[in-house]
Amino acid sequence: MVAHSGMRSIFVSDLLTVNYPIMNKTTLIERVARDAKLSKKQAGDAVESVINAISQTLAKGGKVTLVGFGSFSVVKRAPRKGRNPKTGKEVIIKARKVARFKPGIELAKKVNK
């Protein structure tokens, strides 16, 4: 798989060895496969399982806490006023639930190095 960055083509394997600030599901699966010494199929199944478990828990209104990494939760967003970008007319945006992620202390420290 090849990602294009400006004039230079970047191979996914490059993303795993160089500190590029790019991570998508494919590169995550490749990283998990490499680090855990799994096949890409096994790693893909594991990543998909984690995503499904988090999604299902949030869909039921639950909370997922991964100590040191962070927590996922669902919060209610109140109705608010907004503007239609085409017309500029004021509109009311309905209340809704949204997924929220709060980084843990260890992740926050790594990000702020």
PDB file of N, CA and C in Angstrom:
ATOM      1  N   MET A   1       0.848  -1.176   0.000  1.00  0.00           N
ATOM      2  CA  MET A   1       0.000   0.000   0.000  1.00  0.00           C
ATOM      3  C   MET A   1       0.893   1.239   0.000  1.00  0.00           C
ATOM      4  N   VAL A   2       0.507   2.251  -0.778  1.00  0.00           N
ATOM      5  CA  VAL A   2       1.313   3.452  -0.912  1.00  0.00           C
ATOM      6  C   VAL A   2       0.480   4.672  -0.569  1.00  0.00           C
ATOM      7  N   ALA A   3       1.021   5.556   0.263  1.00  0.00           N
ATOM      8  CA  ALA A   3       0.402   6.856   0.536  1.00  0.00           C
ATOM      9  C   ALA A   3       1.236   7.897  -0.178  1.00  0.00           C
ATOM     10  N   HIS A   4       0.608   8.922  -0.689  1.00  0.00           N
ATOM     11  CA  HIS A   4       1.350   9.952  -1.401  1.00  0.00           C
ATOM     12  C   HIS A   4       1.481  11.195  -0.529  1.00  0.00           C
ATOM     13  N   SER A   5       2.677  11.665  -0.389  1.00  0.00           N
ATOM     14  CA  SER A   5       2.948  12.851   0.395  1.00  0.00           C
ATOM     15  C   SER A   5       3.713  13.828  -0.490  1.00  0.00           C
ATOM     16  N   GLY A   6       2.984  14.796  -1.029  1.00  0.00           N
ATOM     17  CA  GLY A   6       3.636  15.749  -1.920  1.00  0.00           C
ATOM     18  C   GLY A   6       4.167  15.041  -3.137  1.00  0.00           C
ATOM     19  N   MET A   7       5.448  15.190  -3.406  1.00  0.00           N
ATOM     20  CA  MET A   7       6.061  14.596  -4.592  1.00  0.00           C
ATOM     21  C   MET A   7       6.616  13.206  -4.313  1.00  0.00           C
ATOM     22  N   ARG A   8       6.702  12.776  -3.068  1.00  0.00           N
ATOM     23  CA  ARG A   8       7.340  11.514  -2.718  1.00  0.00           C
ATOM     24  C   ARG A   8       6.309  10.476  -2.311  1.00  0.00           C
ATOM     25  N   SER A   9       6.428   9.268  -2.818  1.00  0.00           N
ATOM     26  CA  SER A   9       5.555   8.178  -2.406  1.00  0.00           C
ATOM     27  C   SER A   9       6.097   7.600  -1.112  1.00  0.00           C
ATOM     28  N   ILE A  10       5.190   7.288  -0.192  1.00  0.00           N
ATOM     29  CA  ILE A  10       5.572   6.716   1.089  1.00  0.00           C
ATOM     30  C   ILE A  10       4.916   5.350   1.194  1.00  0.00           C
ATOM     31  N   PHE A  11       5.687   4.326   1.482  1.00  0.00           N
ATOM     32  CA  PHE A  11       5.140   3.004   1.660  1.00  0.00           C
ATOM     33  C   PHE A  11       4.729   2.825   3.114  1.00  0.00           C
ATOM     34  N   VAL A  12       3.704   1.998   3.340  1.00  0.00           N
ATOM     35  CA  VAL A  12       3.213   1.780   4.693  1.00  0.00           C
ATOM     36  C   VAL A  12       4.339   1.301   5.601  1.00  0.00           C
ATOM     37  N   SER A  13       5.224   0.468   5.085  1.00  0.00           N
ATOM     38  CA  SER A  13       6.341  -0.004   5.905  1.00  0.00           C
ATOM     39  C   SER A  13       7.217   1.163   6.368  1.00  0.00           C
ATOM     40  N   ASP A  14       7.317   2.225   5.545  1.00  0.00           N
ATOM     41  CA  ASP A  14       8.062   3.421   5.959  1.00  0.00           C
ATOM     42  C   ASP A  14       7.402   4.072   7.167  1.00  0.00           C
ATOM     43  N   LEU A  15       6.069   4.063   7.192  1.00  0.00           N
ATOM     44  CA  LEU A  15       5.351   4.706   8.279  1.00  0.00           C
ATOM     45  C   LEU A  15       5.610   4.019   9.608  1.00  0.00           C
ATOM     46  N   LEU A  16       5.938   2.743   9.546  1.00  0.00           N
ATOM     47  CA  LEU A  16       6.177   1.998  10.774  1.00  0.00           C
ATOM     48  C   LEU A  16       7.598   2.173  11.291  1.00  0.00           C
ATOM     49  N   THR A  17       8.514   2.570  10.438  1.00  0.00           N
ATOM     50  CA  THR A  17       9.898   2.691  10.857  1.00  0.00           C
ATOM     51  C   THR A  17      10.323   4.138  11.061  1.00  0.00           C
ATOM     52  N   VAL A  18       9.596   5.072  10.486  1.00  0.00           N
ATOM     53  CA  VAL A  18       9.909   6.489  10.608  1.00  0.00           C
ATOM     54  C   VAL A  18       8.820   7.116  11.469  1.00  0.00           C
ATOM     55  N   ASN A  19       9.132   8.125  12.223  1.00  0.00           N
ATOM     56  CA  ASN A  19       8.145   8.750  13.091  1.00  0.00           C
ATOM     57  C   ASN A  19       7.236   9.714  12.344  1.00  0.00           C
ATOM     58  N   TYR A  20       6.447   9.181  11.413  1.00  0.00           N
ATOM     59  CA  TYR A  20       5.463   9.996  10.713  1.00  0.00           C
ATOM     60  C   TYR A  20       4.242  10.165  11.606  1.00  0.00           C
ATOM     61  N   PRO A  21       3.645  11.344  11.612  1.00  0.00           N
ATOM     62  CA  PRO A  21       2.460  11.551  12.447  1.00  0.00           C
ATOM     63  C   PRO A  21       1.188  11.056  11.760  1.00  0.00           C
ATOM     64  N   ILE A  22       1.247   9.856  11.152  1.00  0.00           N
ATOM     65  CA  ILE A  22       0.109   9.307  10.429  1.00  0.00           C
ATOM     66  C   ILE A  22      -0.174   7.916  10.973  1.00  0.00           C
ATOM     67  N   MET A  23      -1.412   7.679  11.367  1.00  0.00           N
ATOM     68  CA  MET A  23      -1.802   6.336  11.788  1.00  0.00           C
ATOM     69  C   MET A  23      -3.260   6.169  11.395  1.00  0.00           C
ATOM     70  N   ASN A  24      -3.512   5.183  10.545  1.00  0.00           N
ATOM     71  CA  ASN A  24      -4.888   4.835  10.223  1.00  0.00           C
ATOM     72  C   ASN A  24      -5.081   3.374  10.605  1.00  0.00           C
ATOM     73  N   LYS A  25      -6.239   2.829  10.305  1.00  0.00           N
ATOM     74  CA  LYS A  25      -6.531   1.461  10.727  1.00  0.00           C
ATOM     75  C   LYS A  25      -5.537   0.468  10.131  1.00  0.00           C
ATOM     76  N   THR A  26      -5.183   0.637   8.872  1.00  0.00           N
ATOM     77  CA  THR A  26      -4.240  -0.271   8.216  1.00  0.00           C
ATOM     78  C   THR A  26      -2.870  -0.234   8.882  1.00  0.00           C
ATOM     79  N   THR A  27      -2.358   0.961   9.140  1.00  0.00           N
ATOM     80  CA  THR A  27      -1.036   1.060   9.766  1.00  0.00           C
ATOM     81  C   THR A  27      -1.083   0.578  11.211  1.00  0.00           C
ATOM     82  N   LEU A  28      -2.217   0.776  11.884  1.00  0.00           N
ATOM     83  CA  LEU A  28      -2.361   0.256  13.245  1.00  0.00           C
ATOM     84  C   LEU A  28      -2.306  -1.264  13.238  1.00  0.00           C
ATOM     85  N   ILE A  29      -3.027  -1.878  12.316  1.00  0.00           N
ATOM     86  CA  ILE A  29      -3.019  -3.347  12.215  1.00  0.00           C
ATOM     87  C   ILE A  29      -1.617  -3.855  11.923  1.00  0.00           C
ATOM     88  N   GLU A  30      -0.905  -3.208  11.016  1.00  0.00           N
ATOM     89  CA  GLU A  30       0.465  -3.626  10.708  1.00  0.00           C
ATOM     90  C   GLU A  30       1.369  -3.479  11.916  1.00  0.00           C
ATOM     91  N   ARG A  31       1.181  -2.426  12.685  1.00  0.00           N
ATOM     92  CA  ARG A  31       1.993  -2.204  13.881  1.00  0.00           C
ATOM     93  C   ARG A  31       1.709  -3.262  14.947  1.00  0.00           C
ATOM     94  N   VAL A  32       0.421  -3.568  15.150  1.00  0.00           N
ATOM     95  CA  VAL A  32       0.041  -4.593  16.115  1.00  0.00           C
ATOM     96  C   VAL A  32       0.594  -5.948  15.681  1.00  0.00           C
ATOM     97  N   ALA A  33       0.481  -6.258  14.399  1.00  0.00           N
ATOM     98  CA  ALA A  33       1.007  -7.533  13.887  1.00  0.00           C
ATOM     99  C   ALA A  33       2.502  -7.647  14.153  1.00  0.00           C
ATOM    100  N   ARG A  34       3.224  -6.574  13.872  1.00  0.00           N
ATOM    101  CA  ARG A  34       4.673  -6.593  14.069  1.00  0.00           C
ATOM    102  C   ARG A  34       5.039  -6.696  15.545  1.00  0.00           C
ATOM    103  N   ASP A  35       4.440  -5.846  16.374  1.00  0.00           N
ATOM    104  CA  ASP A  35       4.803  -5.812  17.793  1.00  0.00           C
ATOM    105  C   ASP A  35       4.395  -7.079  18.548  1.00  0.00           C
ATOM    106  N   ALA A  36       3.232  -7.635  18.207  1.00  0.00           N
ATOM    107  CA  ALA A  36       2.725  -8.819  18.913  1.00  0.00           C
ATOM    108  C   ALA A  36       3.106 -10.118  18.206  1.00  0.00           C
ATOM    109  N   LYS A  37       3.852  -9.993  17.100  1.00  0.00           N
ATOM    110  CA  LYS A  37       4.274 -11.161  16.324  1.00  0.00           C
ATOM    111  C   LYS A  37       3.061 -12.008  15.914  1.00  0.00           C
ATOM    112  N   LEU A  38       2.068 -11.325  15.334  1.00  0.00           N
ATOM    113  CA  LEU A  38       0.858 -11.956  14.836  1.00  0.00           C
ATOM    114  C   LEU A  38       0.804 -11.806  13.328  1.00  0.00           C
ATOM    115  N   SER A  39      -0.040 -12.605  12.693  1.00  0.00           N
ATOM    116  CA  SER A  39      -0.279 -12.388  11.271  1.00  0.00           C
ATOM    117  C   SER A  39      -1.124 -11.121  11.133  1.00  0.00           C
ATOM    118  N   LYS A  40      -1.136 -10.537   9.937  1.00  0.00           N
ATOM    119  CA  LYS A  40      -1.963  -9.348   9.731  1.00  0.00           C
ATOM    120  C   LYS A  40      -3.437  -9.682   9.932  1.00  0.00           C
ATOM    121  N   LYS A  41      -3.839 -10.887   9.569  1.00  0.00           N
ATOM    122  CA  LYS A  41      -5.233 -11.321   9.758  1.00  0.00           C
ATOM    123  C   LYS A  41      -5.575 -11.361  11.240  1.00  0.00           C
ATOM    124  N   GLN A  42      -4.696 -11.956  12.041  1.00  0.00           N
ATOM    125  CA  GLN A  42      -4.940 -12.031  13.481  1.00  0.00           C
ATOM    126  C   GLN A  42      -4.956 -10.636  14.104  1.00  0.00           C
ATOM    127  N   ALA A  43      -4.012  -9.811  13.712  1.00  0.00           N
ATOM    128  CA  ALA A  43      -3.957  -8.451  14.239  1.00  0.00           C
ATOM    129  C   ALA A  43      -5.196  -7.662  13.823  1.00  0.00           C
ATOM    130  N   GLY A  44      -5.628  -7.832  12.577  1.00  0.00           N
ATOM    131  CA  GLY A  44      -6.837  -7.156  12.098  1.00  0.00           C
ATOM    132  C   GLY A  44      -8.056  -7.578  12.892  1.00  0.00           C
ATOM    133  N   ASP A  45      -8.155  -8.874  13.180  1.00  0.00           N
ATOM    134  CA  ASP A  45      -9.271  -9.376  13.983  1.00  0.00           C
ATOM    135  C   ASP A  45      -9.227  -8.784  15.397  1.00  0.00           C
ATOM    136  N   ALA A  46      -8.028  -8.687  15.968  1.00  0.00           N
ATOM    137  CA  ALA A  46      -7.880  -8.137  17.317  1.00  0.00           C
ATOM    138  C   ALA A  46      -8.263  -6.655  17.346  1.00  0.00           C
ATOM    139  N   VAL A  47      -7.759  -5.888  16.391  1.00  0.00           N
ATOM    140  CA  VAL A  47      -8.074  -4.452  16.334  1.00  0.00           C
ATOM    141  C   VAL A  47      -9.576  -4.265  16.128  1.00  0.00           C
ATOM    142  N   GLU A  48     -10.163  -5.037  15.226  1.00  0.00           N
ATOM    143  CA  GLU A  48     -11.605  -4.939  14.958  1.00  0.00           C
ATOM    144  C   GLU A  48     -12.406  -5.283  16.210  1.00  0.00           C
ATOM    145  N   SER A  49     -11.955  -6.279  16.960  1.00  0.00           N
ATOM    146  CA  SER A  49     -12.628  -6.673  18.194  1.00  0.00           C
ATOM    147  C   SER A  49     -12.606  -5.543  19.225  1.00  0.00           C
ATOM    148  N   VAL A  50     -11.463  -4.892  19.364  1.00  0.00           N
ATOM    149  CA  VAL A  50     -11.342  -3.780  20.311  1.00  0.00           C
ATOM    150  C   VAL A  50     -12.275  -2.637  19.905  1.00  0.00           C
ATOM    151  N   ILE A  51     -12.266  -2.294  18.627  1.00  0.00           N
ATOM    152  CA  ILE A  51     -13.127  -1.210  18.133  1.00  0.00           C
ATOM    153  C   ILE A  51     -14.594  -1.551  18.364  1.00  0.00           C
ATOM    154  N   ASN A  52     -14.983  -2.794  18.070  1.00  0.00           N
ATOM    155  CA  ASN A  52     -16.374  -3.212  18.274  1.00  0.00           C
ATOM    156  C   ASN A  52     -16.767  -3.172  19.745  1.00  0.00           C
ATOM    157  N   ALA A  53     -15.877  -3.635  20.617  1.00  0.00           N
ATOM    158  CA  ALA A  53     -16.183  -3.639  22.050  1.00  0.00           C
ATOM    159  C   ALA A  53     -16.384  -2.220  22.567  1.00  0.00           C
ATOM    160  N   ILE A  54     -15.523  -1.303  22.156  1.00  0.00           N
ATOM    161  CA  ILE A  54     -15.659   0.095  22.581  1.00  0.00           C
ATOM    162  C   ILE A  54     -16.952   0.687  22.024  1.00  0.00           C
ATOM    163  N   SER A  55     -17.213   0.459  20.737  1.00  0.00           N
ATOM    164  CA  SER A  55     -18.414   1.005  20.094  1.00  0.00           C
ATOM    165  C   SER A  55     -19.689   0.490  20.751  1.00  0.00           C
ATOM    166  N   GLN A  56     -19.757  -0.812  20.998  1.00  0.00           N
ATOM    167  CA  GLN A  56     -20.959  -1.397  21.603  1.00  0.00           C
ATOM    168  C   GLN A  56     -21.184  -0.878  23.020  1.00  0.00           C
ATOM    169  N   THR A  57     -20.115  -0.718  23.778  1.00  0.00           N
ATOM    170  CA  THR A  57     -20.243  -0.206  25.136  1.00  0.00           C
ATOM    171  C   THR A  57     -20.757   1.235  25.121  1.00  0.00           C
ATOM    172  N   LEU A  58     -20.204   2.056  24.226  1.00  0.00           N
ATOM    173  CA  LEU A  58     -20.655   3.450  24.129  1.00  0.00           C
ATOM    174  C   LEU A  58     -22.090   3.536  23.631  1.00  0.00           C
ATOM    175  N   ALA A  59     -22.471   2.665  22.690  1.00  0.00           N
ATOM    176  CA  ALA A  59     -23.839   2.663  22.160  1.00  0.00           C
ATOM    177  C   ALA A  59     -24.859   2.377  23.260  1.00  0.00           C
ATOM    178  N   LYS A  60     -24.445   1.623  24.275  1.00  0.00           N
ATOM    179  CA  LYS A  60     -25.327   1.309  25.404  1.00  0.00           C
ATOM    180  C   LYS A  60     -25.249   2.369  26.494  1.00  0.00           C
ATOM    181  N   GLY A  61     -24.482   3.442  26.237  1.00  0.00           N
ATOM    182  CA  GLY A  61     -24.356   4.520  27.223  1.00  0.00           C
ATOM    183  C   GLY A  61     -23.280   4.279  28.259  1.00  0.00           C
ATOM    184  N   GLY A  62     -22.453   3.265  28.056  1.00  0.00           N
ATOM    185  CA  GLY A  62     -21.399   2.931  29.012  1.00  0.00           C
ATOM    186  C   GLY A  62     -20.152   3.765  28.837  1.00  0.00           C
ATOM    187  N   LYS A  63     -19.136   3.418  29.620  1.00  0.00           N
ATOM    188  CA  LYS A  63     -17.857   4.121  29.597  1.00  0.00           C
ATOM    189  C   LYS A  63     -16.755   3.076  29.492  1.00  0.00           C
ATOM    190  N   VAL A  64     -15.711   3.386  28.720  1.00  0.00           N
ATOM    191  CA  VAL A  64     -14.560   2.488  28.569  1.00  0.00           C
ATOM    192  C   VAL A  64     -13.338   3.217  29.104  1.00  0.00           C
ATOM    193  N   THR A  65     -12.683   2.613  30.086  1.00  0.00           N
ATOM    194  CA  THR A  65     -11.491   3.222  30.672  1.00  0.00           C
ATOM    195  C   THR A  65     -10.298   2.312  30.435  1.00  0.00           C
ATOM    196  N   LEU A  66      -9.264   2.853  29.794  1.00  0.00           N
ATOM    197  CA  LEU A  66      -8.019   2.134  29.566  1.00  0.00           C
ATOM    198  C   LEU A  66      -6.957   2.875  30.382  1.00  0.00           C
ATOM    199  N   VAL A  67      -6.638   2.319  31.540  1.00  0.00           N
ATOM    200  CA  VAL A  67      -5.743   2.981  32.480  1.00  0.00           C
ATOM    201  C   VAL A  67      -4.434   3.364  31.801  1.00  0.00           C
ATOM    202  N   GLY A  68      -4.044   4.616  31.939  1.00  0.00           N
ATOM    203  CA  GLY A  68      -2.820   5.131  31.348  1.00  0.00           C
ATOM    204  C   GLY A  68      -3.023   5.681  29.948  1.00  0.00           C
ATOM    205  N   PHE A  69      -4.073   5.230  29.271  1.00  0.00           N
ATOM    206  CA  PHE A  69      -4.337   5.707  27.915  1.00  0.00           C
ATOM    207  C   PHE A  69      -5.423   6.770  27.922  1.00  0.00           C
ATOM    208  N   GLY A  70      -6.581   6.420  28.456  1.00  0.00           N
ATOM    209  CA  GLY A  70      -7.664   7.392  28.509  1.00  0.00           C
ATOM    210  C   GLY A  70      -9.002   6.708  28.638  1.00  0.00           C
ATOM    211  N   SER A  71     -10.069   7.516  28.574  1.00  0.00           N
ATOM    212  CA  SER A  71     -11.404   6.956  28.697  1.00  0.00           C
ATOM    213  C   SER A  71     -12.324   7.509  27.624  1.00  0.00           C
ATOM    214  N   PHE A  72     -13.213   6.631  27.164  1.00  0.00           N
ATOM    215  CA  PHE A  72     -14.229   6.968  26.183  1.00  0.00           C
ATOM    216  C   PHE A  72     -15.556   7.017  26.921  1.00  0.00           C
ATOM    217  N   SER A  73     -16.369   8.009  26.627  1.00  0.00           N
ATOM    218  CA  SER A  73     -17.683   8.104  27.246  1.00  0.00           C
ATOM    219  C   SER A  73     -18.638   8.768  26.269  1.00  0.00           C
ATOM    220  N   VAL A  74     -19.917   8.768  26.652  1.00  0.00           N
ATOM    221  CA  VAL A  74     -20.942   9.418  25.855  1.00  0.00           C
ATOM    222  C   VAL A  74     -21.475  10.590  26.670  1.00  0.00           C
ATOM    223  N   VAL A  75     -21.551  11.741  26.047  1.00  0.00           N
ATOM    224  CA  VAL A  75     -22.096  12.920  26.727  1.00  0.00           C
ATOM    225  C   VAL A  75     -23.216  13.508  25.878  1.00  0.00           C
ATOM    226  N   LYS A  76     -24.149  14.172  26.560  1.00  0.00           N
ATOM    227  CA  LYS A  76     -25.236  14.841  25.848  1.00  0.00           C
ATOM    228  C   LYS A  76     -24.787  16.244  25.496  1.00  0.00           C
ATOM    229  N   ARG A  77     -24.970  16.595  24.256  1.00  0.00           N
ATOM    230  CA  ARG A  77     -24.672  17.953  23.805  1.00  0.00           C
ATOM    231  C   ARG A  77     -26.003  18.696  23.762  1.00  0.00           C
ATOM    232  N   ALA A  78     -26.071  19.832  24.414  1.00  0.00           N
ATOM    233  CA  ALA A  78     -27.303  20.629  24.477  1.00  0.00           C
ATOM    234  C   ALA A  78     -27.623  21.221  23.104  1.00  0.00           C
ATOM    235  N   PRO A  79     -28.895  21.555  22.876  1.00  0.00           N
ATOM    236  CA  PRO A  79     -29.208  22.235  21.619  1.00  0.00           C
ATOM    237  C   PRO A  79     -28.515  23.588  21.586  1.00  0.00           C
ATOM    238  N   ARG A  80     -28.179  24.046  20.397  1.00  0.00           N
ATOM    239  CA  ARG A  80     -27.477  25.328  20.300  1.00  0.00           C
ATOM    240  C   ARG A  80     -27.806  26.004  18.980  1.00  0.00           C
ATOM    241  N   LYS A  81     -27.460  27.264  18.926  1.00  0.00           N
ATOM    242  CA  LYS A  81     -27.683  28.028  17.702  1.00  0.00           C
ATOM    243  C   LYS A  81     -26.468  27.889  16.794  1.00  0.00           C
ATOM    244  N   GLY A  82     -26.741  27.819  15.497  1.00  0.00           N
ATOM    245  CA  GLY A  82     -25.671  27.758  14.510  1.00  0.00           C
ATOM    246  C   GLY A  82     -26.088  28.565  13.297  1.00  0.00           C
ATOM    247  N   ARG A  83     -25.261  28.561  12.276  1.00  0.00           N
ATOM    248  CA  ARG A  83     -25.576  29.280  11.040  1.00  0.00           C
ATOM    249  C   ARG A  83     -25.444  28.350   9.854  1.00  0.00           C
ATOM    250  N   ASN A  84     -26.389  28.466   8.916  1.00  0.00           N
ATOM    251  CA  ASN A  84     -26.306  27.747   7.666  1.00  0.00           C
ATOM    252  C   ASN A  84     -25.192  28.413   6.860  1.00  0.00           C
ATOM    253  N   PRO A  85     -24.124  27.682   6.498  1.00  0.00           N
ATOM    254  CA  PRO A  85     -23.003  28.316   5.809  1.00  0.00           C
ATOM    255  C   PRO A  85     -23.365  28.876   4.427  1.00  0.00           C
ATOM    256  N   LYS A  86     -24.370  28.292   3.777  1.00  0.00           N
ATOM    257  CA  LYS A  86     -24.766  28.789   2.456  1.00  0.00           C
ATOM    258  C   LYS A  86     -25.542  30.088   2.534  1.00  0.00           C
ATOM    259  N   THR A  87     -26.527  30.104   3.453  1.00  0.00           N
ATOM    260  CA  THR A  87     -27.429  31.260   3.496  1.00  0.00           C
ATOM    261  C   THR A  87     -27.089  32.249   4.596  1.00  0.00           C
ATOM    262  N   GLY A  88     -26.356  31.799   5.593  1.00  0.00           N
ATOM    263  CA  GLY A  88     -26.044  32.664   6.729  1.00  0.00           C
ATOM    264  C   GLY A  88     -27.197  32.731   7.727  1.00  0.00           C
ATOM    265  N   LYS A  89     -28.307  32.038   7.424  1.00  0.00           N
ATOM    266  CA  LYS A  89     -29.479  32.047   8.291  1.00  0.00           C
ATOM    267  C   LYS A  89     -29.198  31.275   9.573  1.00  0.00           C
ATOM    268  N   GLU A  90     -29.679  31.807  10.702  1.00  0.00           N
ATOM    269  CA  GLU A  90     -29.508  31.149  11.984  1.00  0.00           C
ATOM    270  C   GLU A  90     -30.412  29.923  12.052  1.00  0.00           C
ATOM    271  N   VAL A  91     -29.870  28.799  12.553  1.00  0.00           N
ATOM    272  CA  VAL A  91     -30.630  27.566  12.710  1.00  0.00           C
ATOM    273  C   VAL A  91     -30.391  27.018  14.113  1.00  0.00           C
ATOM    274  N   ILE A  92     -31.315  26.208  14.573  1.00  0.00           N
ATOM    275  CA  ILE A  92     -31.153  25.539  15.861  1.00  0.00           C
ATOM    276  C   ILE A  92     -30.621  24.129  15.592  1.00  0.00           C
ATOM    277  N   ILE A  93     -29.504  23.799  16.222  1.00  0.00           N
ATOM    278  CA  ILE A  93     -28.913  22.466  16.105  1.00  0.00           C
ATOM    279  C   ILE A  93     -29.459  21.641  17.262  1.00  0.00           C
ATOM    280  N   LYS A  94     -30.078  20.506  16.941  1.00  0.00           N
ATOM    281  CA  LYS A  94     -30.734  19.667  17.941  1.00  0.00           C
ATOM    282  C   LYS A  94     -29.741  19.110  18.962  1.00  0.00           C
ATOM    283  N   ALA A  95     -30.269  18.799  20.141  1.00  0.00           N
ATOM    284  CA  ALA A  95     -29.485  18.114  21.165  1.00  0.00           C
ATOM    285  C   ALA A  95     -29.149  16.720  20.645  1.00  0.00           C
ATOM    286  N   ARG A  96     -27.996  16.216  21.041  1.00  0.00           N
ATOM    287  CA  ARG A  96     -27.624  14.863  20.634  1.00  0.00           C
ATOM    288  C   ARG A  96     -26.550  14.311  21.546  1.00  0.00           C
ATOM    289  N   LYS A  97     -26.332  13.023  21.452  1.00  0.00           N
ATOM    290  CA  LYS A  97     -25.264  12.371  22.206  1.00  0.00           C
ATOM    291  C   LYS A  97     -24.027  12.303  21.321  1.00  0.00           C
ATOM    292  N   VAL A  98     -22.862  12.507  21.916  1.00  0.00           N
ATOM    293  CA  VAL A  98     -21.610  12.413  21.175  1.00  0.00           C
ATOM    294  C   VAL A  98     -20.600  11.599  21.976  1.00  0.00           C
ATOM    295  N   ALA A  99     -19.717  10.914  21.266  1.00  0.00           N
ATOM    296  CA  ALA A  99     -18.641  10.169  21.925  1.00  0.00           C
ATOM    297  C   ALA A  99     -17.551  11.154  22.313  1.00  0.00           C
ATOM    298  N   ARG A 100     -16.972  10.939  23.472  1.00  0.00           N
ATOM    299  CA  ARG A 100     -15.935  11.831  23.963  1.00  0.00           C
ATOM    300  C   ARG A 100     -14.750  10.991  24.404  1.00  0.00           C
ATOM    301  N   PHE A 101     -13.536  11.486  24.188  1.00  0.00           N
ATOM    302  CA  PHE A 101     -12.326  10.806  24.648  1.00  0.00           C
ATOM    303  C   PHE A 101     -11.561  11.757  25.544  1.00  0.00           C
ATOM    304  N   LYS A 102     -11.190  11.274  26.723  1.00  0.00           N
ATOM    305  CA  LYS A 102     -10.377  12.067  27.644  1.00  0.00           C
ATOM    306  C   LYS A 102      -9.062  11.322  27.853  1.00  0.00           C
ATOM    307  N   PRO A 103      -7.937  11.935  27.437  1.00  0.00           N
ATOM    308  CA  PRO A 103      -6.653  11.249  27.589  1.00  0.00           C
ATOM    309  C   PRO A 103      -6.296  11.018  29.057  1.00  0.00           C
ATOM    310  N   GLY A 104      -5.624   9.881  29.303  1.00  0.00           N
ATOM    311  CA  GLY A 104      -5.130   9.578  30.642  1.00  0.00           C
ATOM    312  C   GLY A 104      -3.848  10.345  30.919  1.00  0.00           C
ATOM    313  N   ILE A 105      -3.412  10.310  32.142  1.00  0.00           N
ATOM    314  CA  ILE A 105      -2.224  11.062  32.576  1.00  0.00           C
ATOM    315  C   ILE A 105      -0.976  10.634  31.803  1.00  0.00           C
ATOM    316  N   GLU A 106      -0.776   9.319  31.649  1.00  0.00           N
ATOM    317  CA  GLU A 106       0.424   8.837  30.949  1.00  0.00           C
ATOM    318  C   GLU A 106       0.430   9.272  29.484  1.00  0.00           C
ATOM    319  N   LEU A 107      -0.718   9.187  28.811  1.00  0.00           N
ATOM    320  CA  LEU A 107      -0.796   9.632  27.420  1.00  0.00           C
ATOM    321  C   LEU A 107      -0.558  11.132  27.325  1.00  0.00           C
ATOM    322  N   ALA A 108      -1.141  11.885  28.223  1.00  0.00           N
ATOM    323  CA  ALA A 108      -0.954  13.339  28.214  1.00  0.00           C
ATOM    324  C   ALA A 108       0.520  13.702  28.385  1.00  0.00           C
ATOM    325  N   LYS A 109       1.228  12.970  29.244  1.00  0.00           N
ATOM    326  CA  LYS A 109       2.650  13.222  29.445  1.00  0.00           C
ATOM    327  C   LYS A 109       3.442  12.931  28.173  1.00  0.00           C
ATOM    328  N   LYS A 110       3.112  11.827  27.486  1.00  0.00           N
ATOM    329  CA  LYS A 110       3.825  11.473  26.255  1.00  0.00           C
ATOM    330  C   LYS A 110       3.582  12.489  25.169  1.00  0.00           C
ATOM    331  N   VAL A 111       2.357  12.978  25.072  1.00  0.00           N
ATOM    332  CA  VAL A 111       2.008  13.968  24.039  1.00  0.00           C
ATOM    333  C   VAL A 111       2.704  15.298  24.305  1.00  0.00           C
ATOM    334  N   ASN A 112       2.870  15.633  25.568  1.00  0.00           N
ATOM    335  CA  ASN A 112       3.442  16.940  25.926  1.00  0.00           C
ATOM    336  C   ASN A 112       4.942  16.925  26.151  1.00  0.00           C
ATOM    337  N   LYS A 113       5.630  15.893  25.692  1.00  0.00           N
ATOM    338  CA  LYS A 113       7.097  15.836  25.825  1.00  0.00           C
ATOM    339  C   LYS A 113       7.744  16.930  25.038  1.00  0.00           C
TER     340      LYS A 113
END
